[in-house]
PDB file of all heavy atoms in Angstrom:
ATOM      1  N   ASP A   1      69.763  89.318 219.216  1.00  0.00           N
ATOM      2  CA  ASP A   1      69.259  88.253 219.961  1.00  0.00           C
ATOM      3  C   ASP A   1      68.259  88.616 221.022  1.00  0.00           C
ATOM      4  O   ASP A   1      67.781  87.712 221.680  1.00  0.00           O
ATOM      5  CB  ASP A   1      70.548  87.547 220.635  1.00  0.00           C
ATOM      6  CG  ASP A   1      70.183  86.297 221.367  1.00  0.00           C
ATOM      7  OD1 ASP A   1      69.588  85.385 220.744  1.00  0.00           O
ATOM      8  OD2 ASP A   1      70.515  86.192 222.571  1.00  0.00           O
ATOM      9  N   GLY A   2      67.888  89.816 221.166  1.00  0.00           N
ATOM     10  CA  GLY A   2      66.891  90.223 222.153  1.00  0.00           C
ATOM     11  C   GLY A   2      67.526  90.046 223.536  1.00  0.00           C
ATOM     12  O   GLY A   2      68.567  90.529 223.834  1.00  0.00           O
ATOM     13  N   ASN A   3      66.730  89.382 224.446  1.00  0.00           N
ATOM     14  CA  ASN A   3      67.204  89.337 225.889  1.00  0.00           C
ATOM     15  C   ASN A   3      68.069  88.117 226.139  1.00  0.00           C
ATOM     16  O   ASN A   3      68.320  87.817 227.334  1.00  0.00           O
ATOM     17  CB  ASN A   3      66.014  89.455 226.795  1.00  0.00           C
ATOM     18  CG  ASN A   3      64.978  88.356 226.589  1.00  0.00           C
ATOM     19  OD1 ASN A   3      65.280  87.321 225.881  1.00  0.00           O
ATOM     20  ND2 ASN A   3      63.910  88.383 227.243  1.00  0.00           N
ATOM     21  N   GLY A   4      68.336  87.226 225.177  1.00  0.00           N
ATOM     22  CA  GLY A   4      69.166  86.093 225.416  1.00  0.00           C
ATOM     23  C   GLY A   4      68.474  85.009 226.267  1.00  0.00           C
ATOM     24  O   GLY A   4      69.293  84.266 226.961  1.00  0.00           O
ATOM     25  N   SER A   5      67.202  84.900 226.229  1.00  0.00           N
ATOM     26  CA  SER A   5      66.512  83.972 227.133  1.00  0.00           C
ATOM     27  C   SER A   5      66.898  82.504 226.753  1.00  0.00           C
ATOM     28  O   SER A   5      66.820  81.636 227.695  1.00  0.00           O
ATOM     29  CB  SER A   5      65.079  84.155 226.929  1.00  0.00           C
ATOM     30  OG  SER A   5      64.602  84.010 225.644  1.00  0.00           O
ATOM     31  N   TRP A   6      67.387  82.213 225.592  1.00  0.00           N
ATOM     32  CA  TRP A   6      67.705  80.910 225.205  1.00  0.00           C
ATOM     33  C   TRP A   6      68.931  80.340 226.033  1.00  0.00           C
ATOM     34  O   TRP A   6      69.072  79.156 226.151  1.00  0.00           O
ATOM     35  CB  TRP A   6      68.062  80.857 223.673  1.00  0.00           C
ATOM     36  CG  TRP A   6      69.279  81.616 223.341  1.00  0.00           C
ATOM     37  CD1 TRP A   6      69.363  82.878 223.064  1.00  0.00           C
ATOM     38  CD2 TRP A   6      70.595  81.149 223.354  1.00  0.00           C
ATOM     39  NE1 TRP A   6      70.627  83.385 222.796  1.00  0.00           N
ATOM     40  CE2 TRP A   6      71.508  82.247 222.959  1.00  0.00           C
ATOM     41  CE3 TRP A   6      71.253  79.926 223.487  1.00  0.00           C
ATOM     42  CZ2 TRP A   6      72.846  82.198 222.828  1.00  0.00           C
ATOM     43  CZ3 TRP A   6      72.679  79.875 223.376  1.00  0.00           C
ATOM     44  CH2 TRP A   6      73.386  80.959 223.029  1.00  0.00           C
ATOM     45  N   LEU A   7      69.732  81.224 226.638  1.00  0.00           N
ATOM     46  CA  LEU A   7      70.818  80.805 227.307  1.00  0.00           C
ATOM     47  C   LEU A   7      70.489  80.025 228.583  1.00  0.00           C
ATOM     48  O   LEU A   7      71.326  79.308 229.070  1.00  0.00           O
ATOM     49  CB  LEU A   7      71.643  82.036 227.729  1.00  0.00           C
ATOM     50  CG  LEU A   7      72.419  82.755 226.652  1.00  0.00           C
ATOM     51  CD1 LEU A   7      72.688  84.211 227.007  1.00  0.00           C
ATOM     52  CD2 LEU A   7      73.611  82.050 226.228  1.00  0.00           C
ATOM     53  N   GLU A   8      69.263  80.168 229.075  1.00  0.00           N
ATOM     54  CA  GLU A   8      68.762  79.481 230.233  1.00  0.00           C
ATOM     55  C   GLU A   8      68.761  77.957 230.064  1.00  0.00           C
ATOM     56  O   GLU A   8      68.774  77.256 230.993  1.00  0.00           O
ATOM     57  CB  GLU A   8      67.424  79.954 230.678  1.00  0.00           C
ATOM     58  CG  GLU A   8      67.333  81.435 231.081  1.00  0.00           C
ATOM     59  CD  GLU A   8      65.985  81.869 231.451  1.00  0.00           C
ATOM     60  OE1 GLU A   8      65.031  81.064 231.195  1.00  0.00           O
ATOM     61  OE2 GLU A   8      65.856  83.034 231.982  1.00  0.00           O
ATOM     62  N   ALA A   9      68.718  77.559 228.707  1.00  0.00           N
ATOM     63  CA  ALA A   9      68.706  76.106 228.475  1.00  0.00           C
ATOM     64  C   ALA A   9      69.969  75.481 228.548  1.00  0.00           C
ATOM     65  O   ALA A   9      70.122  74.270 228.541  1.00  0.00           O
ATOM     66  CB  ALA A   9      68.101  75.924 227.148  1.00  0.00           C
ATOM     67  N   LEU A  10      71.168  76.234 228.596  1.00  0.00           N
ATOM     68  CA  LEU A  10      72.467  75.680 228.715  1.00  0.00           C
ATOM     69  C   LEU A  10      72.700  75.036 230.029  1.00  0.00           C
ATOM     70  O   LEU A  10      72.334  75.490 231.069  1.00  0.00           O
ATOM     71  CB  LEU A  10      73.545  76.725 228.405  1.00  0.00           C
ATOM     72  CG  LEU A  10      73.541  77.431 226.998  1.00  0.00           C
ATOM     73  CD1 LEU A  10      74.654  78.496 227.049  1.00  0.00           C
ATOM     74  CD2 LEU A  10      73.735  76.463 225.948  1.00  0.00           C
ATOM     75  N   PRO A  11      73.428  73.850 230.009  1.00  0.00           N
ATOM     76  CA  PRO A  11      73.644  73.166 231.329  1.00  0.00           C
ATOM     77  C   PRO A  11      74.667  73.917 232.096  1.00  0.00           C
ATOM     78  O   PRO A  11      75.566  74.608 231.590  1.00  0.00           O
ATOM     79  CB  PRO A  11      74.241  71.809 230.857  1.00  0.00           C
ATOM     80  CG  PRO A  11      74.838  72.093 229.545  1.00  0.00           C
ATOM     81  CD  PRO A  11      73.913  73.110 228.855  1.00  0.00           C
ATOM     82  N   HIS A  12      74.479  73.853 233.437  1.00  0.00           N
ATOM     83  CA  HIS A  12      75.423  74.550 234.487  1.00  0.00           C
ATOM     84  C   HIS A  12      75.450  76.056 234.357  1.00  0.00           C
ATOM     85  O   HIS A  12      76.510  76.705 234.680  1.00  0.00           O
ATOM     86  CB  HIS A  12      76.894  73.965 234.297  1.00  0.00           C
ATOM     87  CG  HIS A  12      76.900  72.419 234.377  1.00  0.00           C
ATOM     88  ND1 HIS A  12      76.592  71.771 235.451  1.00  0.00           N
ATOM     89  CD2 HIS A  12      77.272  71.583 233.391  1.00  0.00           C
ATOM     90  CE1 HIS A  12      76.745  70.460 235.220  1.00  0.00           C
ATOM     91  NE2 HIS A  12      77.127  70.277 233.976  1.00  0.00           N
ATOM     92  N   VAL A  13      74.387  76.641 233.802  1.00  0.00           N
ATOM     93  CA  VAL A  13      74.330  78.011 233.570  1.00  0.00           C
ATOM     94  C   VAL A  13      73.074  78.555 234.143  1.00  0.00           C
ATOM     95  O   VAL A  13      72.003  77.997 234.010  1.00  0.00           O
ATOM     96  CB  VAL A  13      74.433  78.418 232.027  1.00  0.00           C
ATOM     97  CG1 VAL A  13      74.016  79.824 231.762  1.00  0.00           C
ATOM     98  CG2 VAL A  13      75.840  78.118 231.539  1.00  0.00           C
ATOM     99  N   THR A  14      73.108  79.719 234.827  1.00  0.00           N
ATOM    100  CA  THR A  14      72.002  80.357 235.390  1.00  0.00           C
ATOM    101  C   THR A  14      72.066  81.879 234.938  1.00  0.00           C
ATOM    102  O   THR A  14      72.989  82.508 235.066  1.00  0.00           O
ATOM    103  CB  THR A  14      71.957  80.334 236.917  1.00  0.00           C
ATOM    104  OG1 THR A  14      71.951  78.977 237.316  1.00  0.00           O
ATOM    105  CG2 THR A  14      70.671  81.046 237.463  1.00  0.00           C
ATOM    106  N   VAL A  15      70.922  82.366 234.339  1.00  0.00           N
ATOM    107  CA  VAL A  15      70.832  83.722 233.918  1.00  0.00           C
ATOM    108  C   VAL A  15      70.548  84.536 235.086  1.00  0.00           C
ATOM    109  O   VAL A  15      69.524  84.344 235.796  1.00  0.00           O
ATOM    110  CB  VAL A  15      69.703  83.898 232.917  1.00  0.00           C
ATOM    111  CG1 VAL A  15      69.481  85.443 232.617  1.00  0.00           C
ATOM    112  CG2 VAL A  15      70.047  83.168 231.621  1.00  0.00           C
ATOM    113  N   THR A  16      71.431  85.453 235.519  1.00  0.00           N
ATOM    114  CA  THR A  16      71.270  86.297 236.672  1.00  0.00           C
ATOM    115  C   THR A  16      70.875  87.691 236.425  1.00  0.00           C
ATOM    116  O   THR A  16      70.252  88.319 237.230  1.00  0.00           O
ATOM    117  CB  THR A  16      72.623  86.341 237.427  1.00  0.00           C
ATOM    118  OG1 THR A  16      73.696  86.851 236.633  1.00  0.00           O
ATOM    119  CG2 THR A  16      73.070  85.008 237.969  1.00  0.00           C
ATOM    120  N   ARG A  17      71.090  88.103 235.156  1.00  0.00           N
ATOM    121  CA  ARG A  17      70.707  89.469 234.804  1.00  0.00           C
ATOM    122  C   ARG A  17      70.349  89.554 233.201  1.00  0.00           C
ATOM    123  O   ARG A  17      71.240  89.903 232.503  1.00  0.00           O
ATOM    124  CB  ARG A  17      71.794  90.496 235.205  1.00  0.00           C
ATOM    125  CG  ARG A  17      71.334  91.947 235.207  1.00  0.00           C
ATOM    126  CD  ARG A  17      72.368  92.773 235.864  1.00  0.00           C
ATOM    127  NE  ARG A  17      72.650  92.453 237.284  1.00  0.00           N
ATOM    128  CZ  ARG A  17      73.515  92.956 238.056  1.00  0.00           C
ATOM    129  NH1 ARG A  17      74.383  93.843 237.552  1.00  0.00           N
ATOM    130  NH2 ARG A  17      73.644  92.635 239.296  1.00  0.00           N
ATOM    131  N   PRO A  18      69.102  89.284 232.944  1.00  0.00           N
ATOM    132  CA  PRO A  18      68.780  89.381 231.457  1.00  0.00           C
ATOM    133  C   PRO A  18      68.765  90.894 231.045  1.00  0.00           C
ATOM    134  O   PRO A  18      68.448  91.755 231.888  1.00  0.00           O
ATOM    135  CB  PRO A  18      67.408  88.765 231.371  1.00  0.00           C
ATOM    136  CG  PRO A  18      66.829  88.955 232.764  1.00  0.00           C
ATOM    137  CD  PRO A  18      67.944  88.870 233.695  1.00  0.00           C
ATOM    138  N   GLY A  19      69.037  91.096 229.789  1.00  0.00           N
ATOM    139  CA  GLY A  19      68.994  92.539 229.346  1.00  0.00           C
ATOM    140  C   GLY A  19      69.057  92.564 227.777  1.00  0.00           C
ATOM    141  O   GLY A  19      69.484  91.562 227.228  1.00  0.00           O
ATOM    142  N   HIS A  20      68.718  93.713 227.220  1.00  0.00           N
ATOM    143  CA  HIS A  20      68.804  93.835 225.729  1.00  0.00           C
ATOM    144  C   HIS A  20      70.220  94.203 225.308  1.00  0.00           C
ATOM    145  O   HIS A  20      70.669  93.858 224.178  1.00  0.00           O
ATOM    146  CB  HIS A  20      67.860  94.914 225.296  1.00  0.00           C
ATOM    147  CG  HIS A  20      66.389  94.526 225.509  1.00  0.00           C
ATOM    148  ND1 HIS A  20      65.795  93.575 224.686  1.00  0.00           N
ATOM    149  CD2 HIS A  20      65.452  94.923 226.372  1.00  0.00           C
ATOM    150  CE1 HIS A  20      64.477  93.446 225.087  1.00  0.00           C
ATOM    151  NE2 HIS A  20      64.303  94.226 226.058  1.00  0.00           N
ATOM    152  N   ASP A  21      71.011  94.855 226.215  1.00  0.00           N
ATOM    153  CA  ASP A  21      72.388  95.092 225.813  1.00  0.00           C
ATOM    154  C   ASP A  21      73.338  93.959 226.022  1.00  0.00           C
ATOM    155  O   ASP A  21      74.204  93.652 225.092  1.00  0.00           O
ATOM    156  CB  ASP A  21      72.950  96.307 226.579  1.00  0.00           C
ATOM    157  CG  ASP A  21      72.212  97.537 226.383  1.00  0.00           C
ATOM    158  OD1 ASP A  21      71.737  97.741 225.227  1.00  0.00           O
ATOM    159  OD2 ASP A  21      72.075  98.425 227.328  1.00  0.00           O
ATOM    160  N   PHE A  22      73.194  93.270 227.072  1.00  0.00           N
ATOM    161  CA  PHE A  22      73.935  91.963 227.259  1.00  0.00           C
ATOM    162  C   PHE A  22      73.191  91.193 228.281  1.00  0.00           C
ATOM    163  O   PHE A  22      72.325  91.649 228.977  1.00  0.00           O
ATOM    164  CB  PHE A  22      75.356  92.234 227.734  1.00  0.00           C
ATOM    165  CG  PHE A  22      75.403  92.932 229.047  1.00  0.00           C
ATOM    166  CD1 PHE A  22      75.482  92.175 230.215  1.00  0.00           C
ATOM    167  CD2 PHE A  22      75.466  94.277 229.232  1.00  0.00           C
ATOM    168  CE1 PHE A  22      75.591  92.716 231.506  1.00  0.00           C
ATOM    169  CE2 PHE A  22      75.574  94.922 230.438  1.00  0.00           C
ATOM    170  CZ  PHE A  22      75.595  94.097 231.665  1.00  0.00           C
ATOM    171  N   THR A  23      73.492  89.888 228.357  1.00  0.00           N
ATOM    172  CA  THR A  23      72.946  88.982 229.376  1.00  0.00           C
ATOM    173  C   THR A  23      74.023  88.482 230.290  1.00  0.00           C
ATOM    174  O   THR A  23      75.135  88.127 229.849  1.00  0.00           O
ATOM    175  CB  THR A  23      72.296  87.711 228.669  1.00  0.00           C
ATOM    176  OG1 THR A  23      71.245  88.165 227.858  1.00  0.00           O
ATOM    177  CG2 THR A  23      71.675  86.865 229.709  1.00  0.00           C
ATOM    178  N   GLU A  24      73.754  88.614 231.612  1.00  0.00           N
ATOM    179  CA  GLU A  24      74.801  88.146 232.551  1.00  0.00           C
ATOM    180  C   GLU A  24      74.368  86.754 233.118  1.00  0.00           C
ATOM    181  O   GLU A  24      73.209  86.425 233.427  1.00  0.00           O
ATOM    182  CB  GLU A  24      74.841  89.063 233.775  1.00  0.00           C
ATOM    183  CG  GLU A  24      75.997  88.836 234.735  1.00  0.00           C
ATOM    184  CD  GLU A  24      76.223  89.900 235.706  1.00  0.00           C
ATOM    185  OE1 GLU A  24      76.728  90.997 235.390  1.00  0.00           O
ATOM    186  OE2 GLU A  24      75.679  89.711 236.864  1.00  0.00           O
ATOM    187  N   LEU A  25      75.438  85.919 233.158  1.00  0.00           N
ATOM    188  CA  LEU A  25      75.167  84.430 233.565  1.00  0.00           C
ATOM    189  C   LEU A  25      76.105  84.101 234.711  1.00  0.00           C
ATOM    190  O   LEU A  25      77.191  84.612 234.786  1.00  0.00           O
ATOM    191  CB  LEU A  25      75.493  83.486 232.334  1.00  0.00           C
ATOM    192  CG  LEU A  25      74.992  83.853 230.959  1.00  0.00           C
ATOM    193  CD1 LEU A  25      75.646  83.086 229.896  1.00  0.00           C
ATOM    194  CD2 LEU A  25      73.468  83.691 230.883  1.00  0.00           C
ATOM    195  N   ARG A  26      75.622  83.049 235.466  1.00  0.00           N
ATOM    196  CA  ARG A  26      76.513  82.485 236.454  1.00  0.00           C
ATOM    197  C   ARG A  26      76.829  81.050 235.883  1.00  0.00           C
ATOM    198  O   ARG A  26      75.904  80.299 235.686  1.00  0.00           O
ATOM    199  CB  ARG A  26      75.753  82.293 237.776  1.00  0.00           C
ATOM    200  CG  ARG A  26      76.686  81.683 238.877  1.00  0.00           C
ATOM    201  CD  ARG A  26      76.069  81.514 240.225  1.00  0.00           C
ATOM    202  NE  ARG A  26      75.021  80.496 240.051  1.00  0.00           N
ATOM    203  CZ  ARG A  26      74.048  80.310 241.013  1.00  0.00           C
ATOM    204  NH1 ARG A  26      74.018  81.127 242.041  1.00  0.00           N
ATOM    205  NH2 ARG A  26      73.199  79.353 240.837  1.00  0.00           N
ATOM    206  N   VAL A  27      78.096  80.783 235.752  1.00  0.00           N
ATOM    207  CA  VAL A  27      78.460  79.422 235.319  1.00  0.00           C
ATOM    208  C   VAL A  27      79.078  78.663 236.595  1.00  0.00           C
ATOM    209  O   VAL A  27      79.919  79.098 237.295  1.00  0.00           O
ATOM    210  CB  VAL A  27      79.766  79.605 234.287  1.00  0.00           C
ATOM    211  CG1 VAL A  27      80.139  78.264 233.837  1.00  0.00           C
ATOM    212  CG2 VAL A  27      79.255  80.376 233.112  1.00  0.00           C
ATOM    213  N   ASP A  28      78.510  77.549 236.773  1.00  0.00           N
ATOM    214  CA  ASP A  28      78.762  76.687 237.932  1.00  0.00           C
ATOM    215  C   ASP A  28      80.234  76.351 238.039  1.00  0.00           C
ATOM    216  O   ASP A  28      80.909  76.240 237.046  1.00  0.00           O
ATOM    217  CB  ASP A  28      77.910  75.440 237.957  1.00  0.00           C
ATOM    218  CG  ASP A  28      76.445  75.761 238.163  1.00  0.00           C
ATOM    219  OD1 ASP A  28      76.096  76.911 238.618  1.00  0.00           O
ATOM    220  OD2 ASP A  28      75.630  74.836 237.894  1.00  0.00           O
ATOM    221  N   ALA A  29      80.655  76.107 239.352  1.00  0.00           N
ATOM    222  CA  ALA A  29      81.987  75.672 239.476  1.00  0.00           C
ATOM    223  C   ALA A  29      82.321  74.399 238.831  1.00  0.00           C
ATOM    224  O   ALA A  29      81.495  73.435 238.760  1.00  0.00           O
ATOM    225  CB  ALA A  29      82.184  75.370 241.095  1.00  0.00           C
TER     226      ALA A  29
END
């Protein structure tokens, strides 16, 4: 999946740390 940039399009989700090994996200309350 590369850097998982597509995850930025998900609602209530913010990519906080993109990377090739894994992508870190913040999921809103």
